[in-house]
Amino acid sequence: MLKPGIRIKTKKAIVIALVLSAGVMSSANAQRPVASLSPATPAVRSAMRMAVYVPVRQGDSVKLVEQVLSVPGNIQPHAAAIGYLARPGGVLPKGTRVRNLSLEQGVLTIDFSPELRRFRGGSSDEALLLAALSATVAGFEGVKAFQITVQGQPLSILGGHADLSEPYPASKSLPEDFR
């Protein structure tokens, strides 16, 4: 579970049976980090199940579908869940990594690598990305909203269609277009 006051420092995440990576490095920001697990840290918990909302093509439309990941005990589960959205076919641009996560008063700040700036989707692609992130982080304890940063710098727009200057609400209630 996310707990204020602990830093994430995972370099690589491998999700069981899916073999994928989510790079997590610390960033210098004024927010309180939420979790810490370095490769040298011994596993102190059993595998954790995390719900991730992924795009699935259904005919001419794309829907978000819940997929449950089993994350090994030695991997930071929240970074692995968000990092899973950067896999091929996911909603984040190729190569995008989670650098840091921090939780402050219910707002989860997700600091991404510069690859996020490669996003070139239209308004529906941007809405899909935000809905996938919103539904995924809504399953994290204590998260009411999220804020996106890139290398510690606030991101006010992504594709030019949604205002990200304020925290975006975390919600498992998917927009009708993506149900």
Foldseek 3Di string as FASTA:
>chain_A
DWDWQAWDDEQWFQFPPPGHTAGEADFDDPFTFTHYAYLPDDQPDAWDKAWFWFWDDDPPAIATDIDITTGGSRGDVLQVRLSVQQPVRHLADHPKHFHGWGDDQQEIETEIEPSSLVDADDPVSVLVSLLRVLLRCLPPPSHFFYFYHYSRHGDQDRNPPDGRPDTGGRDNDGPPRRD
